[in-house]
Amino acid sequence: MLFITLHSSIKADFEKDISANSSNNLNYLLEGKDKICYLTFDDGPNPAITPKVLDILKEENVKASFFVIGKLVDNHPEIVKRAYDEGHYIANHSYSHNNSILYRTF
């Protein structure tokens, strides 16, 4: 199951496209003989870094997965929209990614 937190301006387009493309992409991966490397980026979007990463990926014609933090998506929806519009995969990495809660000792 895919859980996503996306800004409302891109959520509808993403939900429509993900169901149409998922089965085709999965079939390609399962049947293909190509060597594949999966490129992922976590903890964004970061306005100082993510646009530069997107520029390089576009220049090299490479697609990647961006595991975004919801509160940063709320702050920078235009960066996530750009990544999505350029064909990258967007997934949720949590809303706040609060390490003090995630890794506290019980």
C-alpha atoms as a PDB file:
ATOM      1  CA  MET A   1       0.000   0.000   0.000  1.00  0.00           C
ATOM      2  CA  LEU A   2       1.235   3.484  -0.853  1.00  0.00           C
ATOM      3  CA  PHE A   3       0.622   6.260   1.651  1.00  0.00           C
ATOM      4  CA  ILE A   4       1.073   9.756   0.319  1.00  0.00           C
ATOM      5  CA  THR A   5       0.896  13.233   1.787  1.00  0.00           C
ATOM      6  CA  LEU A   6       0.732  15.696  -1.042  1.00  0.00           C
ATOM      7  CA  HIS A   7      -0.276  19.301  -1.381  1.00  0.00           C
ATOM      8  CA  SER A   8      -3.879  19.447  -2.618  1.00  0.00           C
ATOM      9  CA  SER A   9      -2.861  21.058  -5.932  1.00  0.00           C
ATOM     10  CA  ILE A  10      -1.002  17.919  -7.062  1.00  0.00           C
ATOM     11  CA  LYS A  11      -2.779  15.166  -5.125  1.00  0.00           C
ATOM     12  CA  ALA A  12      -5.599  14.613  -7.649  1.00  0.00           C
ATOM     13  CA  ASP A  13      -3.241  14.360 -10.636  1.00  0.00           C
ATOM     14  CA  PHE A  14      -0.924  12.025  -8.727  1.00  0.00           C
ATOM     15  CA  GLU A  15      -3.717   9.677  -7.654  1.00  0.00           C
ATOM     16  CA  LYS A  16      -5.040   9.492 -11.225  1.00  0.00           C
ATOM     17  CA  ASP A  17      -1.635   8.775 -12.754  1.00  0.00           C
ATOM     18  CA  ILE A  18      -0.340   6.323 -10.137  1.00  0.00           C
ATOM     19  CA  SER A  19      -3.055   3.736 -10.730  1.00  0.00           C
ATOM     20  CA  ALA A  20      -2.664   3.918 -14.510  1.00  0.00           C
ATOM     21  CA  ASN A  21       1.119   3.583 -14.459  1.00  0.00           C
ATOM     22  CA  SER A  22       1.685   1.151 -11.594  1.00  0.00           C
ATOM     23  CA  SER A  23       0.789  -2.069 -13.389  1.00  0.00           C
ATOM     24  CA  ASN A  24       2.740  -1.150 -16.532  1.00  0.00           C
ATOM     25  CA  ASN A  25       5.840  -0.229 -14.531  1.00  0.00           C
ATOM     26  CA  LEU A  26       5.639  -3.376 -12.415  1.00  0.00           C
ATOM     27  CA  ASN A  27       5.293  -5.616 -15.468  1.00  0.00           C
ATOM     28  CA  TYR A  28       8.305  -3.941 -17.098  1.00  0.00           C
ATOM     29  CA  LEU A  29      10.438  -4.470 -13.999  1.00  0.00           C
ATOM     30  CA  LEU A  30       9.423  -8.104 -13.570  1.00  0.00           C
ATOM     31  CA  GLU A  31       9.895  -9.080 -17.211  1.00  0.00           C
ATOM     32  CA  GLY A  32      12.930  -6.968 -18.057  1.00  0.00           C
ATOM     33  CA  LYS A  33      16.499  -8.157 -18.341  1.00  0.00           C
ATOM     34  CA  ASP A  34      18.009  -4.711 -17.835  1.00  0.00           C
ATOM     35  CA  LYS A  35      20.183  -3.900 -14.849  1.00  0.00           C
ATOM     36  CA  ILE A  36      18.352  -1.310 -12.789  1.00  0.00           C
ATOM     37  CA  CYS A  37      19.538   1.128 -10.145  1.00  0.00           C
ATOM     38  CA  TYR A  38      16.965   2.896  -7.962  1.00  0.00           C
ATOM     39  CA  LEU A  39      17.865   6.436  -6.976  1.00  0.00           C
ATOM     40  CA  THR A  40      16.080   7.802  -3.908  1.00  0.00           C
ATOM     41  CA  PHE A  41      16.148  11.063  -1.980  1.00  0.00           C
ATOM     42  CA  ASP A  42      14.806  11.380   1.578  1.00  0.00           C
ATOM     43  CA  ASP A  43      13.775  14.177   3.904  1.00  0.00           C
ATOM     44  CA  GLY A  44      12.845  16.910   1.463  1.00  0.00           C
ATOM     45  CA  PRO A  45      11.906  19.020  -0.232  1.00  0.00           C
ATOM     46  CA  ASN A  46      14.718  21.369   0.645  1.00  0.00           C
ATOM     47  CA  PRO A  47      14.568  24.685  -1.256  1.00  0.00           C
ATOM     48  CA  ALA A  48      18.362  25.024  -1.301  1.00  0.00           C
ATOM     49  CA  ILE A  49      19.111  21.499  -2.533  1.00  0.00           C
ATOM     50  CA  THR A  50      16.139  19.806  -4.207  1.00  0.00           C
ATOM     51  CA  PRO A  51      15.900  22.188  -7.209  1.00  0.00           C
ATOM     52  CA  LYS A  52      19.608  21.619  -7.914  1.00  0.00           C
ATOM     53  CA  VAL A  53      19.090  17.855  -7.742  1.00  0.00           C
ATOM     54  CA  LEU A  54      16.122  18.155 -10.101  1.00  0.00           C
ATOM     55  CA  ASP A  55      18.218  20.201 -12.548  1.00  0.00           C
ATOM     56  CA  ILE A  56      20.888  17.473 -12.648  1.00  0.00           C
ATOM     57  CA  LEU A  57      18.336  14.674 -13.014  1.00  0.00           C
ATOM     58  CA  LYS A  58      16.638  16.526 -15.858  1.00  0.00           C
ATOM     59  CA  GLU A  59      19.947  17.200 -17.610  1.00  0.00           C
ATOM     60  CA  GLU A  60      20.891  13.516 -17.357  1.00  0.00           C
ATOM     61  CA  ASN A  61      17.368  12.271 -18.184  1.00  0.00           C
ATOM     62  CA  VAL A  62      17.226  10.251 -14.945  1.00  0.00           C
ATOM     63  CA  LYS A  63      14.163   9.559 -12.818  1.00  0.00           C
ATOM     64  CA  ALA A  64      14.269   9.161  -9.051  1.00  0.00           C
ATOM     65  CA  SER A  65      12.047   8.606  -6.029  1.00  0.00           C
ATOM     66  CA  PHE A  66      11.575  11.411  -3.546  1.00  0.00           C
ATOM     67  CA  PHE A  67      10.474  10.381  -0.054  1.00  0.00           C
ATOM     68  CA  VAL A  68       9.162  13.673   1.257  1.00  0.00           C
ATOM     69  CA  ILE A  69       8.258  14.997   4.684  1.00  0.00           C
ATOM     70  CA  GLY A  70       4.699  16.288   4.793  1.00  0.00           C
ATOM     71  CA  LYS A  71       5.353  19.513   6.693  1.00  0.00           C
ATOM     72  CA  LEU A  72       8.094  20.402   4.189  1.00  0.00           C
ATOM     73  CA  VAL A  73       5.686  19.672   1.335  1.00  0.00           C
ATOM     74  CA  ASP A  74       3.269  22.096   2.982  1.00  0.00           C
ATOM     75  CA  ASN A  75       6.040  24.715   2.988  1.00  0.00           C
ATOM     76  CA  HIS A  76       7.351  24.031  -0.544  1.00  0.00           C
ATOM     77  CA  PRO A  77       4.595  22.448  -2.670  1.00  0.00           C
ATOM     78  CA  GLU A  78       5.997  23.960  -5.867  1.00  0.00           C
ATOM     79  CA  ILE A  79       9.174  21.875  -5.553  1.00  0.00           C
ATOM     80  CA  VAL A  80       7.204  18.643  -5.174  1.00  0.00           C
ATOM     81  CA  LYS A  81       4.953  19.626  -8.074  1.00  0.00           C
ATOM     82  CA  ARG A  82       8.025  20.199 -10.229  1.00  0.00           C
ATOM     83  CA  ALA A  83       9.455  16.786  -9.299  1.00  0.00           C
ATOM     84  CA  TYR A  84       6.126  15.132 -10.074  1.00  0.00           C
ATOM     85  CA  ASP A  85       5.673  17.042 -13.351  1.00  0.00           C
ATOM     86  CA  GLU A  86       9.166  15.926 -14.421  1.00  0.00           C
ATOM     87  CA  GLY A  87       8.210  12.266 -13.946  1.00  0.00           C
ATOM     88  CA  HIS A  88       9.691  11.454 -10.551  1.00  0.00           C
ATOM     89  CA  TYR A  89       8.025   9.192  -7.987  1.00  0.00           C
ATOM     90  CA  ILE A  90       6.764  10.937  -4.852  1.00  0.00           C
ATOM     91  CA  ALA A  91       6.190   9.029  -1.603  1.00  0.00           C
ATOM     92  CA  ASN A  92       5.570   9.908   2.024  1.00  0.00           C
ATOM     93  CA  HIS A  93       8.429   9.702   4.526  1.00  0.00           C
ATOM     94  CA  SER A  94       6.201  10.885   7.412  1.00  0.00           C
ATOM     95  CA  TYR A  95       4.633  14.200   8.247  1.00  0.00           C
ATOM     96  CA  SER A  96       7.189  15.562  10.681  1.00  0.00           C
ATOM     97  CA  HIS A  97       9.985  12.961  10.898  1.00  0.00           C
ATOM     98  CA  ASN A  98      10.563  13.868  14.527  1.00  0.00           C
ATOM     99  CA  ASN A  99      13.628  11.798  15.441  1.00  0.00           C
ATOM    100  CA  SER A 100      13.304  12.534  19.151  1.00  0.00           C
ATOM    101  CA  ILE A 101       9.985  10.682  19.111  1.00  0.00           C
ATOM    102  CA  LEU A 102      10.950   8.018  16.580  1.00  0.00           C
ATOM    103  CA  TYR A 103      14.104   6.902  18.390  1.00  0.00           C
ATOM    104  CA  ARG A 104      13.344   7.544  22.044  1.00  0.00           C
ATOM    105  CA  THR A 105      14.022   4.805  24.546  1.00  0.00           C
ATOM    106  CA  PHE A 106      11.008   3.325  26.271  1.00  0.00           C
END
